[in-house]
Amino acid sequence: MNHFDVNSNVAKGGANSRAISARLLYDDTVAYAFGILCNRAEELNNGSIWNEMEGVNLADFLVTEVKDINVDDIHDLVLESEKEGFRFVRRLYDDYVSGENRFDRDGEALFVAHLMDQIVGICGLNQDPYSQISYMGRVRRLYVHPEFRKYGVGSQLVSNVILEAKRFYATLTLRTDNPVADQFYRTIGFSTVHVPDNATHWLSLNPVNE
């Protein structure tokens, strides 16, 4: 059985009851992930969760997809991430400049979070470069400026990636060795069981075929 292809959960020509059960399992899993994201956003908008920066809440941030980013606009994120010992934002920057990865192939996208005219977070979606399976996408380079964490910006970025990924993929993967990131992804529904090669977490996206 392929653990990563939701379609394999129900054999062709199987009983309708098995198909219905599989669909309900899918619905529950995805609804759980999005329910957590939505509840988090509601709490933040109601002002019940605050960071140290007084007067700012989730509604002040705007998450958008960018087709042609000005890399100078993410230079502050590169510097902040390097202060924390992270190299992956620099990698995003360098790969974008060189053209190696501009998140512009089919099934790919790059999202940024703005607070007024400042980019405070970033997250990308790629075809999984470590897999030959066409239905597998990958979360790439999620980073939120330290001063703007705990507002739900990361959740908003990943929520946009998930929605976009559902248009193209059955499975979404990622890799992290950060314990905080591990907890974050597991909280919003990613699994660490039976993960594909070169990944630490995965999330199924598409319902079984009827």
C-alpha atoms as a PDB file:
ATOM      1  CA  MET A   1       0.000   0.000   0.000  1.00  0.00           C
ATOM      2  CA  ASN A   2       1.322   3.450  -0.903  1.00  0.00           C
ATOM      3  CA  HIS A   3       1.140   5.595   2.210  1.00  0.00           C
ATOM      4  CA  PHE A   4       1.365   8.818   0.247  1.00  0.00           C
ATOM      5  CA  ASP A   5      -1.287   8.393  -2.434  1.00  0.00           C
ATOM      6  CA  VAL A   6      -4.738   8.852  -0.955  1.00  0.00           C
ATOM      7  CA  ASN A   7      -6.255   7.248  -4.056  1.00  0.00           C
ATOM      8  CA  SER A   8      -4.685   3.922  -3.107  1.00  0.00           C
ATOM      9  CA  ASN A   9      -6.713   3.745   0.106  1.00  0.00           C
ATOM     10  CA  VAL A  10      -9.665   2.301  -1.781  1.00  0.00           C
ATOM     11  CA  ALA A  11      -9.205  -0.483  -4.362  1.00  0.00           C
ATOM     12  CA  LYS A  12     -10.845   0.002  -7.734  1.00  0.00           C
ATOM     13  CA  GLY A  13     -14.283  -1.520  -7.776  1.00  0.00           C
ATOM     14  CA  GLY A  14     -14.400  -1.724  -3.984  1.00  0.00           C
ATOM     15  CA  ALA A  15     -17.572  -1.458  -1.984  1.00  0.00           C
ATOM     16  CA  ASN A  16     -19.212   1.952  -1.789  1.00  0.00           C
ATOM     17  CA  SER A  17     -19.069   1.814   2.002  1.00  0.00           C
ATOM     18  CA  ARG A  18     -15.264   1.656   1.898  1.00  0.00           C
ATOM     19  CA  ALA A  19     -15.124   4.644  -0.445  1.00  0.00           C
ATOM     20  CA  ILE A  20     -17.454   6.617   1.821  1.00  0.00           C
ATOM     21  CA  SER A  21     -15.345   5.765   4.881  1.00  0.00           C
ATOM     22  CA  ALA A  22     -12.168   6.847   3.122  1.00  0.00           C
ATOM     23  CA  ARG A  23     -13.769  10.109   2.017  1.00  0.00           C
ATOM     24  CA  LEU A  24     -14.939  10.811   5.575  1.00  0.00           C
ATOM     25  CA  LEU A  25     -11.410  10.163   6.848  1.00  0.00           C
ATOM     26  CA  TYR A  26     -10.029  12.624   4.276  1.00  0.00           C
ATOM     27  CA  ASP A  27     -12.678  15.227   5.128  1.00  0.00           C
ATOM     28  CA  ASP A  28     -11.936  14.928   8.841  1.00  0.00           C
ATOM     29  CA  THR A  29      -8.167  15.247   8.325  1.00  0.00           C
ATOM     30  CA  VAL A  30      -8.283  18.321   6.112  1.00  0.00           C
ATOM     31  CA  ALA A  31     -11.092  19.905   8.101  1.00  0.00           C
ATOM     32  CA  TYR A  32      -9.022  19.445  11.252  1.00  0.00           C
ATOM     33  CA  ALA A  33      -6.025  21.217   9.706  1.00  0.00           C
ATOM     34  CA  PHE A  34      -8.048  24.114   8.360  1.00  0.00           C
ATOM     35  CA  GLY A  35     -10.171  24.311  11.495  1.00  0.00           C
ATOM     36  CA  ILE A  36      -7.069  24.914  13.578  1.00  0.00           C
ATOM     37  CA  LEU A  37      -5.898  27.628  11.192  1.00  0.00           C
ATOM     38  CA  CYS A  38      -9.305  29.312  11.194  1.00  0.00           C
ATOM     39  CA  ASN A  39      -9.679  29.127  14.977  1.00  0.00           C
ATOM     40  CA  ARG A  40      -6.225  30.590  15.406  1.00  0.00           C
ATOM     41  CA  ALA A  41      -7.096  33.451  13.056  1.00  0.00           C
ATOM     42  CA  GLU A  42     -10.370  34.126  14.891  1.00  0.00           C
ATOM     43  CA  GLU A  43      -8.638  34.244  18.258  1.00  0.00           C
ATOM     44  CA  LEU A  44      -6.078  36.667  16.931  1.00  0.00           C
ATOM     45  CA  ASN A  45      -8.661  38.919  15.308  1.00  0.00           C
ATOM     46  CA  ASN A  46     -10.614  39.008  18.553  1.00  0.00           C
ATOM     47  CA  GLY A  47      -7.516  40.290  20.294  1.00  0.00           C
ATOM     48  CA  SER A  48      -7.204  37.308  22.628  1.00  0.00           C
ATOM     49  CA  ILE A  49      -3.658  36.478  21.514  1.00  0.00           C
ATOM     50  CA  TRP A  50      -1.097  39.251  21.376  1.00  0.00           C
ATOM     51  CA  ASN A  51       2.586  39.620  20.773  1.00  0.00           C
ATOM     52  CA  GLU A  52       4.713  42.180  22.551  1.00  0.00           C
ATOM     53  CA  MET A  53       3.975  44.772  19.831  1.00  0.00           C
ATOM     54  CA  GLU A  54       0.907  46.533  21.147  1.00  0.00           C
ATOM     55  CA  GLY A  55      -1.930  47.379  18.798  1.00  0.00           C
ATOM     56  CA  VAL A  56      -1.135  44.898  16.010  1.00  0.00           C
ATOM     57  CA  ASN A  57      -3.245  41.842  15.183  1.00  0.00           C
ATOM     58  CA  LEU A  58      -3.709  39.365  12.357  1.00  0.00           C
ATOM     59  CA  ALA A  59      -6.075  41.614  10.434  1.00  0.00           C
ATOM     60  CA  ASP A  60      -3.214  44.056   9.873  1.00  0.00           C
ATOM     61  CA  PHE A  61      -1.254  41.509   7.821  1.00  0.00           C
ATOM     62  CA  LEU A  62      -1.914  40.840   4.149  1.00  0.00           C
ATOM     63  CA  VAL A  63      -0.819  37.555   2.556  1.00  0.00           C
ATOM     64  CA  THR A  64      -0.532  37.610  -1.228  1.00  0.00           C
ATOM     65  CA  GLU A  65       0.954  35.505  -4.000  1.00  0.00           C
ATOM     66  CA  VAL A  66       3.814  37.210  -5.845  1.00  0.00           C
ATOM     67  CA  LYS A  67       4.779  36.390  -9.417  1.00  0.00           C
ATOM     68  CA  ASP A  68       7.923  38.510  -9.699  1.00  0.00           C
ATOM     69  CA  ILE A  69       9.305  39.528  -6.334  1.00  0.00           C
ATOM     70  CA  ASN A  70      11.854  42.308  -5.886  1.00  0.00           C
ATOM     71  CA  VAL A  71      14.506  40.429  -3.911  1.00  0.00           C
ATOM     72  CA  ASP A  72      15.571  43.663  -2.203  1.00  0.00           C
ATOM     73  CA  ASP A  73      12.207  43.544  -0.411  1.00  0.00           C
ATOM     74  CA  ILE A  74      13.156  40.314   1.385  1.00  0.00           C
ATOM     75  CA  HIS A  75      16.713  41.316   2.279  1.00  0.00           C
ATOM     76  CA  ASP A  76      15.687  42.093   5.871  1.00  0.00           C
ATOM     77  CA  LEU A  77      14.267  38.569   6.176  1.00  0.00           C
ATOM     78  CA  VAL A  78      17.552  37.142   4.911  1.00  0.00           C
ATOM     79  CA  LEU A  79      19.530  39.090   7.511  1.00  0.00           C
ATOM     80  CA  GLU A  80      17.172  38.224  10.380  1.00  0.00           C
ATOM     81  CA  SER A  81      17.158  34.539   9.491  1.00  0.00           C
ATOM     82  CA  GLU A  82      20.946  34.448   9.386  1.00  0.00           C
ATOM     83  CA  LYS A  83      21.082  36.026  12.853  1.00  0.00           C
ATOM     84  CA  GLU A  84      19.064  33.035  14.041  1.00  0.00           C
ATOM     85  CA  GLY A  85      21.418  30.616  12.309  1.00  0.00           C
ATOM     86  CA  PHE A  86      19.080  29.770   9.421  1.00  0.00           C
ATOM     87  CA  ARG A  87      20.398  29.576   5.871  1.00  0.00           C
ATOM     88  CA  PHE A  88      17.270  28.651   3.943  1.00  0.00           C
ATOM     89  CA  VAL A  89      16.036  32.214   3.360  1.00  0.00           C
ATOM     90  CA  ARG A  90      19.428  33.108   1.902  1.00  0.00           C
ATOM     91  CA  ARG A  91      19.057  30.012  -0.281  1.00  0.00           C
ATOM     92  CA  LEU A  92      15.647  31.220  -1.450  1.00  0.00           C
ATOM     93  CA  TYR A  93      17.162  34.636  -2.216  1.00  0.00           C
ATOM     94  CA  ASP A  94      20.148  33.224  -4.119  1.00  0.00           C
ATOM     95  CA  ASP A  95      18.084  30.668  -6.053  1.00  0.00           C
ATOM     96  CA  TYR A  96      15.568  33.316  -7.064  1.00  0.00           C
ATOM     97  CA  VAL A  97      18.290  35.663  -8.311  1.00  0.00           C
ATOM     98  CA  SER A  98      20.058  32.885 -10.239  1.00  0.00           C
ATOM     99  CA  GLY A  99      16.801  31.579 -11.684  1.00  0.00           C
ATOM    100  CA  GLU A 100      17.290  28.120 -10.200  1.00  0.00           C
ATOM    101  CA  ASN A 101      14.027  28.367  -8.272  1.00  0.00           C
ATOM    102  CA  ARG A 102      11.598  31.199  -8.996  1.00  0.00           C
ATOM    103  CA  PHE A 103       8.482  29.245  -7.979  1.00  0.00           C
ATOM    104  CA  ASP A 104       7.161  29.717 -11.509  1.00  0.00           C
ATOM    105  CA  ARG A 105       6.606  26.198 -12.816  1.00  0.00           C
ATOM    106  CA  ASP A 106       3.191  24.554 -13.013  1.00  0.00           C
ATOM    107  CA  GLY A 107       1.894  23.883  -9.519  1.00  0.00           C
ATOM    108  CA  GLU A 108       4.284  26.340  -7.863  1.00  0.00           C
ATOM    109  CA  ALA A 109       3.732  29.640  -6.055  1.00  0.00           C
ATOM    110  CA  LEU A 110       5.409  32.091  -3.705  1.00  0.00           C
ATOM    111  CA  PHE A 111       3.495  33.869  -0.942  1.00  0.00           C
ATOM    112  CA  VAL A 112       4.529  36.837   1.184  1.00  0.00           C
ATOM    113  CA  ALA A 113       2.989  38.465   4.249  1.00  0.00           C
ATOM    114  CA  HIS A 114       2.951  42.265   4.364  1.00  0.00           C
ATOM    115  CA  LEU A 115       2.509  44.623   7.277  1.00  0.00           C
ATOM    116  CA  MET A 116       1.897  47.931   5.544  1.00  0.00           C
ATOM    117  CA  ASP A 117       4.815  48.173   3.067  1.00  0.00           C
ATOM    118  CA  GLN A 118       7.121  45.697   4.812  1.00  0.00           C
ATOM    119  CA  ILE A 119       7.416  41.997   3.930  1.00  0.00           C
ATOM    120  CA  VAL A 120       7.450  40.166   7.266  1.00  0.00           C
ATOM    121  CA  GLY A 121       7.005  36.560   6.144  1.00  0.00           C
ATOM    122  CA  ILE A 122       7.476  34.273   3.178  1.00  0.00           C
ATOM    123  CA  CYS A 123       6.615  30.729   2.109  1.00  0.00           C
ATOM    124  CA  GLY A 124       6.799  28.868  -1.191  1.00  0.00           C
ATOM    125  CA  LEU A 125       5.258  25.881  -2.923  1.00  0.00           C
ATOM    126  CA  ASN A 126       7.337  23.749  -5.292  1.00  0.00           C
ATOM    127  CA  GLN A 127       6.917  20.522  -7.146  1.00  0.00           C
ATOM    128  CA  ASP A 128       8.711  18.157  -4.786  1.00  0.00           C
ATOM    129  CA  PRO A 129      12.280  18.132  -6.178  1.00  0.00           C
ATOM    130  CA  TYR A 130      13.092  14.910  -4.335  1.00  0.00           C
ATOM    131  CA  SER A 131      10.261  12.878  -5.832  1.00  0.00           C
ATOM    132  CA  GLN A 132       9.519  11.578  -9.313  1.00  0.00           C
ATOM    133  CA  ILE A 133       5.831  11.426  -8.393  1.00  0.00           C
ATOM    134  CA  SER A 134       3.908  14.200 -10.128  1.00  0.00           C
ATOM    135  CA  TYR A 135       1.183  14.495  -7.488  1.00  0.00           C
ATOM    136  CA  MET A 136       3.587  15.480  -4.691  1.00  0.00           C
ATOM    137  CA  GLY A 137       4.212  19.138  -3.773  1.00  0.00           C
ATOM    138  CA  ARG A 138       6.553  20.600  -1.166  1.00  0.00           C
ATOM    139  CA  VAL A 139       6.361  23.470   1.325  1.00  0.00           C
ATOM    140  CA  ARG A 140       9.515  25.562   0.956  1.00  0.00           C
ATOM    141  CA  ARG A 141      11.311  28.259   2.958  1.00  0.00           C
ATOM    142  CA  LEU A 142       8.659  29.246   5.510  1.00  0.00           C
ATOM    143  CA  TYR A 143      10.016  32.133   7.559  1.00  0.00           C
ATOM    144  CA  VAL A 144       8.422  34.910   9.605  1.00  0.00           C
ATOM    145  CA  HIS A 145      10.361  37.888  10.969  1.00  0.00           C
ATOM    146  CA  PRO A 146      10.940  37.355  14.730  1.00  0.00           C
ATOM    147  CA  GLU A 147       9.173  40.597  15.657  1.00  0.00           C
ATOM    148  CA  PHE A 148       5.975  39.464  13.958  1.00  0.00           C
ATOM    149  CA  ARG A 149       5.611  35.916  15.215  1.00  0.00           C
ATOM    150  CA  LYS A 150       2.711  34.654  17.311  1.00  0.00           C
ATOM    151  CA  TYR A 151       0.227  36.685  15.281  1.00  0.00           C
ATOM    152  CA  GLY A 152      -0.698  33.714  13.095  1.00  0.00           C
ATOM    153  CA  VAL A 153       1.294  34.940  10.085  1.00  0.00           C
ATOM    154  CA  GLY A 154       2.949  31.543   9.594  1.00  0.00           C
ATOM    155  CA  SER A 155      -0.421  29.824   9.724  1.00  0.00           C
ATOM    156  CA  GLN A 156      -1.804  32.226   7.129  1.00  0.00           C
ATOM    157  CA  LEU A 157       1.129  31.607   4.811  1.00  0.00           C
ATOM    158  CA  VAL A 158       0.846  27.818   5.079  1.00  0.00           C
ATOM    159  CA  SER A 159      -2.934  28.004   4.668  1.00  0.00           C
ATOM    160  CA  ASN A 160      -2.428  29.766   1.331  1.00  0.00           C
ATOM    161  CA  VAL A 161       0.154  27.187   0.273  1.00  0.00           C
ATOM    162  CA  ILE A 162      -2.233  24.343   1.144  1.00  0.00           C
ATOM    163  CA  LEU A 163      -5.100  25.906  -0.811  1.00  0.00           C
ATOM    164  CA  GLU A 164      -2.881  26.364  -3.855  1.00  0.00           C
ATOM    165  CA  ALA A 165      -1.384  22.885  -3.524  1.00  0.00           C
ATOM    166  CA  LYS A 166      -4.832  21.266  -3.520  1.00  0.00           C
ATOM    167  CA  ARG A 167      -5.242  22.377  -7.141  1.00  0.00           C
ATOM    168  CA  PHE A 168      -2.271  20.297  -8.283  1.00  0.00           C
ATOM    169  CA  TYR A 169      -1.214  17.668  -5.758  1.00  0.00           C
ATOM    170  CA  ALA A 170      -2.494  14.783  -3.676  1.00  0.00           C
ATOM    171  CA  THR A 171       0.284  15.061  -1.104  1.00  0.00           C
ATOM    172  CA  LEU A 172       2.238  17.938   0.394  1.00  0.00           C
ATOM    173  CA  THR A 173       5.639  17.314   2.001  1.00  0.00           C
ATOM    174  CA  LEU A 174       8.303  19.306   3.826  1.00  0.00           C
ATOM    175  CA  ARG A 175      11.503  18.876   5.761  1.00  0.00           C
ATOM    176  CA  THR A 176      12.521  20.565   9.007  1.00  0.00           C
ATOM    177  CA  ASP A 177      14.924  19.854  11.844  1.00  0.00           C
ATOM    178  CA  ASN A 178      13.544  22.685  13.975  1.00  0.00           C
ATOM    179  CA  PRO A 179      11.553  21.390  16.993  1.00  0.00           C
ATOM    180  CA  VAL A 180       9.332  24.492  17.028  1.00  0.00           C
ATOM    181  CA  ALA A 181       8.533  24.082  13.339  1.00  0.00           C
ATOM    182  CA  ASP A 182       7.912  20.361  13.890  1.00  0.00           C
ATOM    183  CA  GLN A 183       5.311  21.152  16.546  1.00  0.00           C
ATOM    184  CA  PHE A 184       3.727  23.835  14.369  1.00  0.00           C
ATOM    185  CA  TYR A 185       3.274  21.534  11.371  1.00  0.00           C
ATOM    186  CA  ARG A 186       1.982  18.623  13.445  1.00  0.00           C
ATOM    187  CA  THR A 187      -0.502  20.950  15.145  1.00  0.00           C
ATOM    188  CA  ILE A 188      -2.044  21.952  11.810  1.00  0.00           C
ATOM    189  CA  GLY A 189      -2.426  18.374  10.616  1.00  0.00           C
ATOM    190  CA  PHE A 190       0.858  17.251   9.043  1.00  0.00           C
ATOM    191  CA  SER A 191       1.931  13.699   9.852  1.00  0.00           C
ATOM    192  CA  THR A 192       5.386  12.395  10.731  1.00  0.00           C
ATOM    193  CA  VAL A 193       4.442   8.756  10.147  1.00  0.00           C
ATOM    194  CA  HIS A 194       5.408   6.916   6.930  1.00  0.00           C
ATOM    195  CA  VAL A 195       6.870  10.058   5.366  1.00  0.00           C
ATOM    196  CA  PRO A 196       8.373  10.013   1.862  1.00  0.00           C
ATOM    197  CA  ASP A 197      12.128  10.064   1.357  1.00  0.00           C
ATOM    198  CA  ASN A 198      13.830  13.404   2.080  1.00  0.00           C
ATOM    199  CA  ALA A 199      10.874  14.651   4.115  1.00  0.00           C
ATOM    200  CA  THR A 200       9.950  14.845   7.788  1.00  0.00           C
ATOM    201  CA  HIS A 201       6.240  15.720   7.459  1.00  0.00           C
ATOM    202  CA  TRP A 202       3.441  15.159   4.969  1.00  0.00           C
ATOM    203  CA  LEU A 203      -0.215  16.066   4.491  1.00  0.00           C
ATOM    204  CA  SER A 204      -2.757  14.380   2.223  1.00  0.00           C
ATOM    205  CA  LEU A 205      -4.784  16.848   0.162  1.00  0.00           C
ATOM    206  CA  ASN A 206      -7.179  15.151  -2.244  1.00  0.00           C
ATOM    207  CA  PRO A 207     -10.179  12.887  -1.581  1.00  0.00           C
ATOM    208  CA  VAL A 208     -10.324   9.377  -2.961  1.00  0.00           C
ATOM    209  CA  ASN A 209     -11.845   8.968  -6.391  1.00  0.00           C
ATOM    210  CA  GLU A 210     -15.325   7.576  -6.508  1.00  0.00           C
END
